[in-house]
Amino acid sequence: MIELNKIAFIDEDGFDFNDGESLIRFDTVAYFPDRNEIIYAITHNGKISVITYDVFEDDKGHYIEYGNTLIKIYISED
């Protein structure tokens, strides 16, 4: 998990997510805490996309909403 109190620019700040059909890799490109945004390079089925996500927070921690069904993916452990 990434440390959300720091701007992340290193490849170690990534994780894998299984959507039930395939493994998706999220590598952090940049985090902007003042705008509550994070940019990921996402590898899915051999394709790489760079996408900006809004960062949300609830009682379980910080998360992004992914995909058409807006699945909550927690990106920190608070």
C-alpha atoms as a PDB file:
ATOM      1  CA  MET A   1       0.000   0.000   0.000  1.00  0.00           C
ATOM      2  CA  ILE A   2       1.129   3.542  -0.574  1.00  0.00           C
ATOM      3  CA  GLU A   3       1.758   6.157   2.058  1.00  0.00           C
ATOM      4  CA  LEU A   4      -0.857   8.782   1.279  1.00  0.00           C
ATOM      5  CA  ASN A   5       0.905  11.476   3.275  1.00  0.00           C
ATOM      6  CA  LYS A   6       3.726  11.489   0.694  1.00  0.00           C
ATOM      7  CA  ILE A   7       3.792  12.129  -3.023  1.00  0.00           C
ATOM      8  CA  ALA A   8       4.529   8.781  -4.635  1.00  0.00           C
ATOM      9  CA  PHE A   9       6.739   8.487  -7.688  1.00  0.00           C
ATOM     10  CA  ILE A  10       8.358   5.092  -7.216  1.00  0.00           C
ATOM     11  CA  ASP A  11       7.490   1.779  -8.809  1.00  0.00           C
ATOM     12  CA  GLU A  12       7.291   0.010  -5.437  1.00  0.00           C
ATOM     13  CA  ASP A  13       4.008   1.828  -4.815  1.00  0.00           C
ATOM     14  CA  GLY A  14       1.795  -0.545  -6.710  1.00  0.00           C
ATOM     15  CA  PHE A  15      -0.532  -3.448  -6.125  1.00  0.00           C
ATOM     16  CA  ASP A  16      -2.396  -6.204  -7.914  1.00  0.00           C
ATOM     17  CA  PHE A  17      -6.189  -6.433  -7.963  1.00  0.00           C
ATOM     18  CA  ASN A  18      -8.181  -9.490  -9.007  1.00  0.00           C
ATOM     19  CA  ASP A  19     -11.523  -8.509 -10.537  1.00  0.00           C
ATOM     20  CA  GLY A  20     -12.704 -12.130 -10.656  1.00  0.00           C
ATOM     21  CA  GLU A  21     -11.688 -12.589 -14.276  1.00  0.00           C
ATOM     22  CA  SER A  22      -8.107 -11.362 -14.458  1.00  0.00           C
ATOM     23  CA  LEU A  23      -5.283  -9.821 -12.482  1.00  0.00           C
ATOM     24  CA  ILE A  24      -4.941  -6.054 -12.858  1.00  0.00           C
ATOM     25  CA  ARG A  25      -1.731  -4.232 -11.913  1.00  0.00           C
ATOM     26  CA  PHE A  26      -1.899  -0.679 -10.509  1.00  0.00           C
ATOM     27  CA  ASP A  27       1.419   1.220 -10.439  1.00  0.00           C
ATOM     28  CA  THR A  28       1.399   4.663  -8.865  1.00  0.00           C
ATOM     29  CA  VAL A  29       2.544   7.468 -11.137  1.00  0.00           C
ATOM     30  CA  ALA A  30       1.713  10.447  -8.895  1.00  0.00           C
ATOM     31  CA  TYR A  31      -0.405  11.384  -5.899  1.00  0.00           C
ATOM     32  CA  PHE A  32      -1.791  14.872  -5.313  1.00  0.00           C
ATOM     33  CA  PRO A  33      -3.096  15.085  -1.737  1.00  0.00           C
ATOM     34  CA  ASP A  34      -4.225  18.695  -2.121  1.00  0.00           C
ATOM     35  CA  ARG A  35      -6.580  17.660  -4.962  1.00  0.00           C
ATOM     36  CA  ASN A  36      -7.414  14.171  -3.592  1.00  0.00           C
ATOM     37  CA  GLU A  37      -6.253  12.621  -6.879  1.00  0.00           C
ATOM     38  CA  ILE A  38      -3.980   9.737  -7.725  1.00  0.00           C
ATOM     39  CA  ILE A  39      -2.643   8.680 -11.125  1.00  0.00           C
ATOM     40  CA  TYR A  40      -2.087   5.006 -11.873  1.00  0.00           C
ATOM     41  CA  ALA A  41      -0.514   3.184 -14.787  1.00  0.00           C
ATOM     42  CA  ILE A  42      -2.846   0.197 -15.064  1.00  0.00           C
ATOM     43  CA  THR A  43      -1.821  -3.027 -16.770  1.00  0.00           C
ATOM     44  CA  HIS A  44      -4.841  -5.133 -17.766  1.00  0.00           C
ATOM     45  CA  ASN A  45      -4.875  -7.898 -20.383  1.00  0.00           C
ATOM     46  CA  GLY A  46      -1.517  -6.758 -21.762  1.00  0.00           C
ATOM     47  CA  LYS A  47      -2.589  -3.146 -22.234  1.00  0.00           C
ATOM     48  CA  ILE A  48      -1.336  -0.183 -20.220  1.00  0.00           C
ATOM     49  CA  SER A  49      -3.551   2.809 -19.462  1.00  0.00           C
ATOM     50  CA  VAL A  50      -2.723   5.883 -17.403  1.00  0.00           C
ATOM     51  CA  ILE A  51      -5.793   7.030 -15.477  1.00  0.00           C
ATOM     52  CA  THR A  52      -6.445   9.693 -12.860  1.00  0.00           C
ATOM     53  CA  TYR A  53      -8.743   8.701  -9.997  1.00  0.00           C
ATOM     54  CA  ASP A  54     -10.384  10.701  -7.253  1.00  0.00           C
ATOM     55  CA  VAL A  55      -9.356   9.513  -3.787  1.00  0.00           C
ATOM     56  CA  PHE A  56     -12.197   9.030  -1.318  1.00  0.00           C
ATOM     57  CA  GLU A  57     -12.140   8.246   2.387  1.00  0.00           C
ATOM     58  CA  ASP A  58     -14.459   6.336   4.683  1.00  0.00           C
ATOM     59  CA  ASP A  59     -14.123   4.591   8.049  1.00  0.00           C
ATOM     60  CA  LYS A  60     -12.030   1.794   6.442  1.00  0.00           C
ATOM     61  CA  GLY A  61      -9.479   4.119   4.829  1.00  0.00           C
ATOM     62  CA  HIS A  62      -8.680   5.747   1.489  1.00  0.00           C
ATOM     63  CA  TYR A  63     -10.009   4.199  -1.702  1.00  0.00           C
ATOM     64  CA  ILE A  64     -10.632   4.708  -5.404  1.00  0.00           C
ATOM     65  CA  GLU A  65     -13.685   3.676  -7.395  1.00  0.00           C
ATOM     66  CA  TYR A  66     -12.747   1.349 -10.270  1.00  0.00           C
ATOM     67  CA  GLY A  67     -14.588   0.122 -13.320  1.00  0.00           C
ATOM     68  CA  ASN A  68     -18.134   0.531 -14.578  1.00  0.00           C
ATOM     69  CA  THR A  69     -19.563  -0.758 -11.312  1.00  0.00           C
ATOM     70  CA  LEU A  70     -17.375   1.603  -9.219  1.00  0.00           C
ATOM     71  CA  ILE A  71     -15.792  -1.128  -7.107  1.00  0.00           C
ATOM     72  CA  LYS A  72     -14.126   0.328  -4.002  1.00  0.00           C
ATOM     73  CA  ILE A  73     -10.398  -0.495  -4.017  1.00  0.00           C
ATOM     74  CA  TYR A  74      -8.727   0.491  -0.781  1.00  0.00           C
ATOM     75  CA  ILE A  75      -5.305   1.991  -1.391  1.00  0.00           C
ATOM     76  CA  SER A  76      -4.216   2.613   2.198  1.00  0.00           C
ATOM     77  CA  GLU A  77      -4.663   1.069   5.564  1.00  0.00           C
ATOM     78  CA  ASP A  78      -5.729   3.688   8.106  1.00  0.00           C
END
